[in-house]
């Protein structure tokens, strides 16, 4: 079913269709699996890496907008402030 080359397994598309659980088990163990169709590489399955760390904190865009355009009256949304700013420039 597979050919091992340099710690990498190679399987055909048909093998993946019929033995997906086995192929997935290889990937879960940390192996890279190459998938070929008619002897041409068409895909690689790689184990997922460690999750990327979440950003420390997201910027406060609302506070920045208030600093730029000032406090808006109740009910006046930020989009209205932006549109008003654009109209003033025209």
PDB file of N, CA and C in Angstrom:
ATOM      1  N   UNK A   1       0.800  -1.194   0.000  1.00  0.00           N
ATOM      2  CA  UNK A   1       0.000   0.000   0.000  1.00  0.00           C
ATOM      3  C   UNK A   1       0.847   1.263   0.000  1.00  0.00           C
ATOM      4  N   UNK A   2       1.980   1.238   0.635  1.00  0.00           N
ATOM      5  CA  UNK A   2       2.749   2.473   0.708  1.00  0.00           C
ATOM      6  C   UNK A   2       4.212   2.209   0.422  1.00  0.00           C
ATOM      7  N   UNK A   3       4.894   3.284   0.129  1.00  0.00           N
ATOM      8  CA  UNK A   3       6.328   3.245  -0.094  1.00  0.00           C
ATOM      9  C   UNK A   3       6.936   4.210   0.906  1.00  0.00           C
ATOM     10  N   UNK A   4       7.899   3.763   1.673  1.00  0.00           N
ATOM     11  CA  UNK A   4       8.538   4.634   2.648  1.00  0.00           C
ATOM     12  C   UNK A   4       9.813   5.200   2.044  1.00  0.00           C
ATOM     13  N   UNK A   5       9.886   6.516   1.992  1.00  0.00           N
ATOM     14  CA  UNK A   5      11.055   7.197   1.443  1.00  0.00           C
ATOM     15  C   UNK A   5      11.453   8.300   2.417  1.00  0.00           C
ATOM     16  N   UNK A   6      12.610   8.172   3.008  1.00  0.00           N
ATOM     17  CA  UNK A   6      13.128   9.221   3.876  1.00  0.00           C
ATOM     18  C   UNK A   6      12.114   9.620   4.943  1.00  0.00           C
ATOM     19  N   UNK A   7      11.562   8.646   5.643  1.00  0.00           N
ATOM     20  CA  UNK A   7      10.613   8.886   6.727  1.00  0.00           C
ATOM     21  C   UNK A   7       9.326   9.525   6.235  1.00  0.00           C
ATOM     22  N   UNK A   8       8.997   9.322   4.979  1.00  0.00           N
ATOM     23  CA  UNK A   8       7.798   9.902   4.420  1.00  0.00           C
ATOM     24  C   UNK A   8       7.040   8.792   3.706  1.00  0.00           C
ATOM     25  N   UNK A   9       5.749   8.701   3.930  1.00  0.00           N
ATOM     26  CA  UNK A   9       4.968   7.665   3.280  1.00  0.00           C
ATOM     27  C   UNK A   9       4.315   8.245   2.037  1.00  0.00           C
ATOM     28  N   UNK A  10       4.200   7.408   1.004  1.00  0.00           N
ATOM     29  CA  UNK A  10       3.560   7.805  -0.234  1.00  0.00           C
ATOM     30  C   UNK A  10       2.439   6.819  -0.528  1.00  0.00           C
ATOM     31  N   UNK A  11       1.251   7.345  -0.783  1.00  0.00           N
ATOM     32  CA  UNK A  11       0.104   6.507  -1.095  1.00  0.00           C
ATOM     33  C   UNK A  11      -0.601   7.062  -2.325  1.00  0.00           C
ATOM     34  N   UNK A  12      -1.371   6.219  -2.972  1.00  0.00           N
ATOM     35  CA  UNK A  12      -2.150   6.661  -4.125  1.00  0.00           C
ATOM     36  C   UNK A  12      -3.490   7.202  -3.646  1.00  0.00           C
ATOM     37  N   UNK A  13      -4.166   7.917  -4.523  1.00  0.00           N
ATOM     38  CA  UNK A  13      -5.485   8.435  -4.204  1.00  0.00           C
ATOM     39  C   UNK A  13      -6.432   7.285  -3.871  1.00  0.00           C
ATOM     40  N   UNK A  14      -6.327   6.209  -4.615  1.00  0.00           N
ATOM     41  CA  UNK A  14      -7.195   5.050  -4.371  1.00  0.00           C
ATOM     42  C   UNK A  14      -6.936   4.463  -2.990  1.00  0.00           C
ATOM     43  N   UNK A  15      -5.671   4.382  -2.598  1.00  0.00           N
ATOM     44  CA  UNK A  15      -5.347   3.873  -1.265  1.00  0.00           C
ATOM     45  C   UNK A  15      -5.947   4.759  -0.174  1.00  0.00           C
ATOM     46  N   UNK A  16      -5.904   6.057  -0.385  1.00  0.00           N
ATOM     47  CA  UNK A  16      -6.475   6.980   0.598  1.00  0.00           C
ATOM     48  C   UNK A  16      -7.985   6.769   0.689  1.00  0.00           C
ATOM     49  N   UNK A  17      -8.631   6.571  -0.460  1.00  0.00           N
ATOM     50  CA  UNK A  17     -10.078   6.363  -0.456  1.00  0.00           C
ATOM     51  C   UNK A  17     -10.458   5.095   0.308  1.00  0.00           C
ATOM     52  N   UNK A  18      -9.673   4.048   0.172  1.00  0.00           N
ATOM     53  CA  UNK A  18     -10.016   2.765   0.768  1.00  0.00           C
ATOM     54  C   UNK A  18      -9.446   2.570   2.173  1.00  0.00           C
ATOM     55  N   UNK A  19      -8.400   3.301   2.527  1.00  0.00           N
ATOM     56  CA  UNK A  19      -7.740   3.105   3.819  1.00  0.00           C
ATOM     57  C   UNK A  19      -7.497   4.434   4.521  1.00  0.00           C
ATOM     58  N   UNK A  20      -8.485   5.319   4.478  1.00  0.00           N
ATOM     59  CA  UNK A  20      -8.290   6.655   5.035  1.00  0.00           C
ATOM     60  C   UNK A  20      -7.958   6.614   6.523  1.00  0.00           C
ATOM     61  N   UNK A  21      -8.584   5.731   7.265  1.00  0.00           N
ATOM     62  CA  UNK A  21      -8.310   5.632   8.702  1.00  0.00           C
ATOM     63  C   UNK A  21      -6.855   5.331   8.992  1.00  0.00           C
ATOM     64  N   UNK A  22      -6.272   4.431   8.204  1.00  0.00           N
ATOM     65  CA  UNK A  22      -4.866   4.068   8.387  1.00  0.00           C
ATOM     66  C   UNK A  22      -3.952   5.246   8.046  1.00  0.00           C
ATOM     67  N   UNK A  23      -4.264   5.916   6.946  1.00  0.00           N
ATOM     68  CA  UNK A  23      -3.466   7.081   6.539  1.00  0.00           C
ATOM     69  C   UNK A  23      -3.565   8.177   7.598  1.00  0.00           C
ATOM     70  N   UNK A  24      -4.763   8.402   8.100  1.00  0.00           N
ATOM     71  CA  UNK A  24      -4.954   9.420   9.125  1.00  0.00           C
ATOM     72  C   UNK A  24      -4.198   9.066  10.410  1.00  0.00           C
ATOM     73  N   UNK A  25      -4.136   7.798  10.728  1.00  0.00           N
ATOM     74  CA  UNK A  25      -3.378   7.369  11.903  1.00  0.00           C
ATOM     75  C   UNK A  25      -1.895   7.697  11.741  1.00  0.00           C
ATOM     76  N   UNK A  26      -1.353   7.516  10.540  1.00  0.00           N
ATOM     77  CA  UNK A  26       0.047   7.866  10.292  1.00  0.00           C
ATOM     78  C   UNK A  26       0.269   9.359  10.551  1.00  0.00           C
ATOM     79  N   UNK A  27      -0.648  10.173  10.033  1.00  0.00           N
ATOM     80  CA  UNK A  27      -0.512  11.618  10.186  1.00  0.00           C
ATOM     81  C   UNK A  27      -0.616  11.993  11.666  1.00  0.00           C
ATOM     82  N   UNK A  28      -1.531  11.349  12.380  1.00  0.00           N
ATOM     83  CA  UNK A  28      -1.673  11.633  13.806  1.00  0.00           C
ATOM     84  C   UNK A  28      -0.407  11.282  14.586  1.00  0.00           C
ATOM     85  N   UNK A  29       0.342  10.298  14.101  1.00  0.00           N
ATOM     86  CA  UNK A  29       1.590   9.910  14.757  1.00  0.00           C
ATOM     87  C   UNK A  29       2.732  10.860  14.411  1.00  0.00           C
ATOM     88  N   UNK A  30       2.483  11.813  13.519  1.00  0.00           N
ATOM     89  CA  UNK A  30       3.501  12.802  13.183  1.00  0.00           C
ATOM     90  C   UNK A  30       4.187  12.572  11.850  1.00  0.00           C
ATOM     91  N   UNK A  31       3.703  11.611  11.068  1.00  0.00           N
ATOM     92  CA  UNK A  31       4.329  11.333   9.777  1.00  0.00           C
ATOM     93  C   UNK A  31       3.720  12.197   8.682  1.00  0.00           C
ATOM     94  N   UNK A  32       4.531  12.522   7.692  1.00  0.00           N
ATOM     95  CA  UNK A  32       4.050  13.221   6.509  1.00  0.00           C
ATOM     96  C   UNK A  32       3.668  12.171   5.474  1.00  0.00           C
ATOM     97  N   UNK A  33       2.522  12.361   4.835  1.00  0.00           N
ATOM     98  CA  UNK A  33       2.047  11.410   3.834  1.00  0.00           C
ATOM     99  C   UNK A  33       1.866  12.155   2.515  1.00  0.00           C
ATOM    100  N   UNK A  34       2.508  11.620   1.462  1.00  0.00           N
ATOM    101  CA  UNK A  34       2.339  12.191   0.130  1.00  0.00           C
ATOM    102  C   UNK A  34       1.309  11.373  -0.619  1.00  0.00           C
ATOM    103  N   UNK A  35       0.413  12.063  -1.329  1.00  0.00           N
ATOM    104  CA  UNK A  35      -0.636  11.390  -2.090  1.00  0.00           C
ATOM    105  C   UNK A  35      -0.351  11.606  -3.578  1.00  0.00           C
ATOM    106  N   UNK A  36      -0.350  10.507  -4.313  1.00  0.00           N
ATOM    107  CA  UNK A  36      -0.036  10.581  -5.743  1.00  0.00           C
ATOM    108  C   UNK A  36      -1.217  10.092  -6.572  1.00  0.00           C
ATOM    109  N   UNK A  37      -1.283  10.609  -7.779  1.00  0.00           N
ATOM    110  CA  UNK A  37      -2.232  10.148  -8.787  1.00  0.00           C
ATOM    111  C   UNK A  37      -1.435   9.954 -10.071  1.00  0.00           C
ATOM    112  N   UNK A  38      -1.457   8.730 -10.570  1.00  0.00           N
ATOM    113  CA  UNK A  38      -0.698   8.382 -11.782  1.00  0.00           C
ATOM    114  C   UNK A  38       0.776   8.776 -11.642  1.00  0.00           C
ATOM    115  N   UNK A  39       1.332   8.456 -10.494  1.00  0.00           N
ATOM    116  CA  UNK A  39       2.748   8.670 -10.164  1.00  0.00           C
ATOM    117  C   UNK A  39       3.148  10.141 -10.043  1.00  0.00           C
ATOM    118  N   UNK A  40       2.173  11.046  -9.997  1.00  0.00           N
ATOM    119  CA  UNK A  40       2.474  12.467  -9.815  1.00  0.00           C
ATOM    120  C   UNK A  40       1.945  12.909  -8.457  1.00  0.00           C
ATOM    121  N   UNK A  41       2.757  13.632  -7.743  1.00  0.00           N
ATOM    122  CA  UNK A  41       2.376  14.130  -6.430  1.00  0.00           C
ATOM    123  C   UNK A  41       1.239  15.136  -6.580  1.00  0.00           C
ATOM    124  N   UNK A  42       0.145  14.911  -5.838  1.00  0.00           N
ATOM    125  CA  UNK A  42      -0.987  15.836  -5.911  1.00  0.00           C
ATOM    126  C   UNK A  42      -1.287  16.495  -4.568  1.00  0.00           C
ATOM    127  N   UNK A  43      -0.839  15.881  -3.465  1.00  0.00           N
ATOM    128  CA  UNK A  43      -1.118  16.474  -2.153  1.00  0.00           C
ATOM    129  C   UNK A  43      -0.161  15.919  -1.115  1.00  0.00           C
ATOM    130  N   UNK A  44      -0.057  16.670  -0.020  1.00  0.00           N
ATOM    131  CA  UNK A  44       0.702  16.204   1.138  1.00  0.00           C
ATOM    132  C   UNK A  44      -0.164  16.394   2.365  1.00  0.00           C
ATOM    133  N   UNK A  45      -0.218  15.398   3.203  1.00  0.00           N
ATOM    134  CA  UNK A  45      -0.907  15.505   4.484  1.00  0.00           C
ATOM    135  C   UNK A  45       0.152  15.670   5.560  1.00  0.00           C
ATOM    136  N   UNK A  46       0.036  16.742   6.319  1.00  0.00           N
ATOM    137  CA  UNK A  46       1.013  17.038   7.359  1.00  0.00           C
ATOM    138  C   UNK A  46       0.317  17.046   8.707  1.00  0.00           C
ATOM    139  N   UNK A  47       1.010  16.611   9.747  1.00  0.00           N
ATOM    140  CA  UNK A  47       0.410  16.719  11.073  1.00  0.00           C
ATOM    141  C   UNK A  47       0.259  18.186  11.443  1.00  0.00           C
ATOM    142  N   UNK A  48      -0.779  18.470  12.189  1.00  0.00           N
ATOM    143  CA  UNK A  48      -0.976  19.864  12.583  1.00  0.00           C
ATOM    144  C   UNK A  48       0.108  20.242  13.578  1.00  0.00           C
ATOM    145  N   UNK A  49       0.590  21.452  13.437  1.00  0.00           N
ATOM    146  CA  UNK A  49       1.618  21.944  14.347  1.00  0.00           C
ATOM    147  C   UNK A  49       0.969  22.441  15.627  1.00  0.00           C
ATOM    148  N   UNK A  50       1.772  22.934  16.522  1.00  0.00           N
ATOM    149  CA  UNK A  50       1.192  23.487  17.746  1.00  0.00           C
ATOM    150  C   UNK A  50       0.326  24.689  17.409  1.00  0.00           C
ATOM    151  N   UNK A  51      -0.721  24.868  18.168  1.00  0.00           N
ATOM    152  CA  UNK A  51      -1.630  25.988  17.934  1.00  0.00           C
ATOM    153  C   UNK A  51      -0.873  27.298  18.110  1.00  0.00           C
ATOM    154  N   UNK A  52      -1.160  28.245  17.229  1.00  0.00           N
ATOM    155  CA  UNK A  52      -0.478  29.538  17.334  1.00  0.00           C
ATOM    156  C   UNK A  52      -0.990  30.261  18.579  1.00  0.00           C
ATOM    157  N   UNK A  53      -0.101  30.944  19.251  1.00  0.00           N
ATOM    158  CA  UNK A  53      -0.531  31.627  20.477  1.00  0.00           C
ATOM    159  C   UNK A  53      -1.511  32.745  20.166  1.00  0.00           C
ATOM    160  N   UNK A  54      -2.471  32.921  21.026  1.00  0.00           N
ATOM    161  CA  UNK A  54      -3.453  33.990  20.856  1.00  0.00           C
ATOM    162  C   UNK A  54      -2.772  35.328  21.107  1.00  0.00           C
ATOM    163  N   UNK A  55      -3.198  36.356  20.405  1.00  0.00           N
ATOM    164  CA  UNK A  55      -2.599  37.665  20.652  1.00  0.00           C
ATOM    165  C   UNK A  55      -2.858  38.099  22.092  1.00  0.00           C
ATOM    166  N   UNK A  56      -1.916  38.822  22.653  1.00  0.00           N
ATOM    167  CA  UNK A  56      -2.025  39.254  24.044  1.00  0.00           C
ATOM    168  C   UNK A  56      -3.335  39.998  24.269  1.00  0.00           C
ATOM    169  N   UNK A  57      -3.598  40.976  23.457  1.00  0.00           N
ATOM    170  CA  UNK A  57      -4.865  41.694  23.537  1.00  0.00           C
ATOM    171  C   UNK A  57      -5.103  42.365  22.186  1.00  0.00           C
ATOM    172  N   UNK A  58      -6.352  42.499  21.857  1.00  0.00           N
ATOM    173  CA  UNK A  58      -6.700  43.151  20.610  1.00  0.00           C
ATOM    174  C   UNK A  58      -6.724  44.660  20.828  1.00  0.00           C
ATOM    175  N   UNK A  59      -6.363  45.438  19.805  1.00  0.00           N
ATOM    176  CA  UNK A  59      -6.398  46.887  19.966  1.00  0.00           C
ATOM    177  C   UNK A  59      -7.828  47.378  20.168  1.00  0.00           C
ATOM    178  N   UNK A  60      -7.990  48.432  20.909  1.00  0.00           N
ATOM    179  CA  UNK A  60      -9.302  49.004  21.170  1.00  0.00           C
ATOM    180  C   UNK A  60      -9.584  50.046  20.088  1.00  0.00           C
ATOM    181  N   UNK A  61     -10.227  49.589  19.004  1.00  0.00           N
ATOM    182  CA  UNK A  61     -10.493  50.475  17.880  1.00  0.00           C
ATOM    183  C   UNK A  61     -11.493  51.569  18.238  1.00  0.00           C
ATOM    184  N   UNK A  62     -12.448  51.243  19.074  1.00  0.00           N
ATOM    185  CA  UNK A  62     -13.439  52.249  19.465  1.00  0.00           C
ATOM    186  C   UNK A  62     -12.768  53.387  20.230  1.00  0.00           C
ATOM    187  N   UNK A  63     -11.859  53.070  21.135  1.00  0.00           N
ATOM    188  CA  UNK A  63     -11.154  54.112  21.890  1.00  0.00           C
ATOM    189  C   UNK A  63     -10.301  54.962  20.954  1.00  0.00           C
ATOM    190  N   UNK A  64      -9.691  54.317  19.988  1.00  0.00           N
ATOM    191  CA  UNK A  64      -8.870  55.073  19.037  1.00  0.00           C
ATOM    192  C   UNK A  64      -9.734  56.011  18.200  1.00  0.00           C
ATOM    193  N   UNK A  65     -10.905  55.528  17.778  1.00  0.00           N
ATOM    194  CA  UNK A  65     -11.811  56.369  16.987  1.00  0.00           C
ATOM    195  C   UNK A  65     -12.300  57.551  17.826  1.00  0.00           C
ATOM    196  N   UNK A  66     -12.607  57.317  19.118  1.00  0.00           N
ATOM    197  CA  UNK A  66     -13.031  58.418  19.983  1.00  0.00           C
ATOM    198  C   UNK A  66     -11.908  59.439  20.135  1.00  0.00           C
ATOM    199  N   UNK A  67     -10.677  58.969  20.205  1.00  0.00           N
ATOM    200  CA  UNK A  67      -9.541  59.886  20.333  1.00  0.00           C
ATOM    201  C   UNK A  67      -9.369  60.721  19.065  1.00  0.00           C
ATOM    202  N   UNK A  68      -9.654  60.142  17.919  1.00  0.00           N
ATOM    203  CA  UNK A  68      -9.482  60.855  16.651  1.00  0.00           C
ATOM    204  C   UNK A  68     -10.635  61.813  16.397  1.00  0.00           C
ATOM    205  N   UNK A  69     -11.883  61.306  16.516  1.00  0.00           N
ATOM    206  CA  UNK A  69     -13.050  62.102  16.154  1.00  0.00           C
ATOM    207  C   UNK A  69     -13.790  62.676  17.360  1.00  0.00           C
ATOM    208  N   UNK A  70     -13.346  62.356  18.537  1.00  0.00           N
ATOM    209  CA  UNK A  70     -14.019  62.841  19.736  1.00  0.00           C
ATOM    210  C   UNK A  70     -15.242  61.995  20.050  1.00  0.00           C
ATOM    211  N   UNK A  71     -15.825  62.259  21.212  1.00  0.00           N
ATOM    212  CA  UNK A  71     -17.009  61.508  21.636  1.00  0.00           C
ATOM    213  C   UNK A  71     -18.189  61.912  20.767  1.00  0.00           C
ATOM    214  N   UNK A  72     -18.956  60.958  20.358  1.00  0.00           N
ATOM    215  CA  UNK A  72     -20.121  61.205  19.520  1.00  0.00           C
ATOM    216  C   UNK A  72     -21.366  61.207  20.400  1.00  0.00           C
ATOM    217  N   UNK A  73     -22.366  61.987  20.036  1.00  0.00           N
ATOM    218  CA  UNK A  73     -23.607  61.976  20.809  1.00  0.00           C
ATOM    219  C   UNK A  73     -24.245  60.589  20.785  1.00  0.00           C
ATOM    220  N   UNK A  74     -25.058  60.311  21.789  1.00  0.00           N
ATOM    221  CA  UNK A  74     -25.734  59.020  21.895  1.00  0.00           C
ATOM    222  C   UNK A  74     -26.538  58.782  20.625  1.00  0.00           C
ATOM    223  N   UNK A  75     -26.407  57.593  20.065  1.00  0.00           N
ATOM    224  CA  UNK A  75     -27.150  57.235  18.851  1.00  0.00           C
ATOM    225  C   UNK A  75     -26.385  57.537  17.571  1.00  0.00           C
ATOM    226  N   UNK A  76     -25.348  58.359  17.645  1.00  0.00           N
ATOM    227  CA  UNK A  76     -24.540  58.644  16.460  1.00  0.00           C
ATOM    228  C   UNK A  76     -23.460  57.589  16.385  1.00  0.00           C
ATOM    229  N   UNK A  77     -23.575  56.711  15.442  1.00  0.00           N
ATOM    230  CA  UNK A  77     -22.615  55.626  15.324  1.00  0.00           C
ATOM    231  C   UNK A  77     -21.294  56.092  14.737  1.00  0.00           C
ATOM    232  N   UNK A  78     -20.325  55.248  14.832  1.00  0.00           N
ATOM    233  CA  UNK A  78     -18.997  55.546  14.310  1.00  0.00           C
ATOM    234  C   UNK A  78     -19.047  55.725  12.800  1.00  0.00           C
ATOM    235  N   UNK A  79     -19.886  54.940  12.127  1.00  0.00           N
ATOM    236  CA  UNK A  79     -19.959  55.053  10.667  1.00  0.00           C
ATOM    237  C   UNK A  79     -20.467  56.433  10.270  1.00  0.00           C
ATOM    238  N   UNK A  80     -21.400  57.006  11.053  1.00  0.00           N
ATOM    239  CA  UNK A  80     -21.883  58.352  10.749  1.00  0.00           C
ATOM    240  C   UNK A  80     -20.770  59.372  10.920  1.00  0.00           C
ATOM    241  N   UNK A  81     -19.931  59.186  11.923  1.00  0.00           N
ATOM    242  CA  UNK A  81     -18.809  60.101  12.153  1.00  0.00           C
ATOM    243  C   UNK A  81     -17.823  60.022  10.994  1.00  0.00           C
ATOM    244  N   UNK A  82     -17.595  58.840  10.511  1.00  0.00           N
ATOM    245  CA  UNK A  82     -16.672  58.663   9.383  1.00  0.00           C
ATOM    246  C   UNK A  82     -17.240  59.300   8.128  1.00  0.00           C
ATOM    247  N   UNK A  83     -18.531  59.082   7.880  1.00  0.00           N
ATOM    248  CA  UNK A  83     -19.169  59.686   6.703  1.00  0.00           C
ATOM    249  C   UNK A  83     -19.148  61.210   6.792  1.00  0.00           C
ATOM    250  N   UNK A  84     -19.391  61.751   7.976  1.00  0.00           N
ATOM    251  CA  UNK A  84     -19.348  63.204   8.151  1.00  0.00           C
ATOM    252  C   UNK A  84     -17.951  63.730   7.876  1.00  0.00           C
ATOM    253  N   UNK A  85     -16.952  63.008   8.343  1.00  0.00           N
ATOM    254  CA  UNK A  85     -15.561  63.411   8.102  1.00  0.00           C
ATOM    255  C   UNK A  85     -15.254  63.411   6.612  1.00  0.00           C
ATOM    256  N   UNK A  86     -15.720  62.416   5.901  1.00  0.00           N
ATOM    257  CA  UNK A  86     -15.501  62.347   4.452  1.00  0.00           C
ATOM    258  C   UNK A  86     -16.181  63.482   3.722  1.00  0.00           C
ATOM    259  N   UNK A  87     -17.416  63.829   4.137  1.00  0.00           N
ATOM    260  CA  UNK A  87     -18.161  64.904   3.481  1.00  0.00           C
ATOM    261  C   UNK A  87     -17.467  66.247   3.693  1.00  0.00           C
ATOM    262  N   UNK A  88     -16.871  66.451   4.890  1.00  0.00           N
ATOM    263  CA  UNK A  88     -16.160  67.688   5.162  1.00  0.00           C
ATOM    264  C   UNK A  88     -14.959  67.853   4.251  1.00  0.00           C
ATOM    265  N   UNK A  89     -14.327  66.747   3.880  1.00  0.00           N
ATOM    266  CA  UNK A  89     -13.140  66.812   3.019  1.00  0.00           C
ATOM    267  C   UNK A  89     -13.499  67.120   1.570  1.00  0.00           C
ATOM    268  N   UNK A  90     -14.708  66.820   1.176  1.00  0.00           N
ATOM    269  CA  UNK A  90     -15.120  67.062  -0.216  1.00  0.00           C
ATOM    270  C   UNK A  90     -15.453  68.480  -0.390  1.00  0.00           C
TER     271      UNK A  90
END
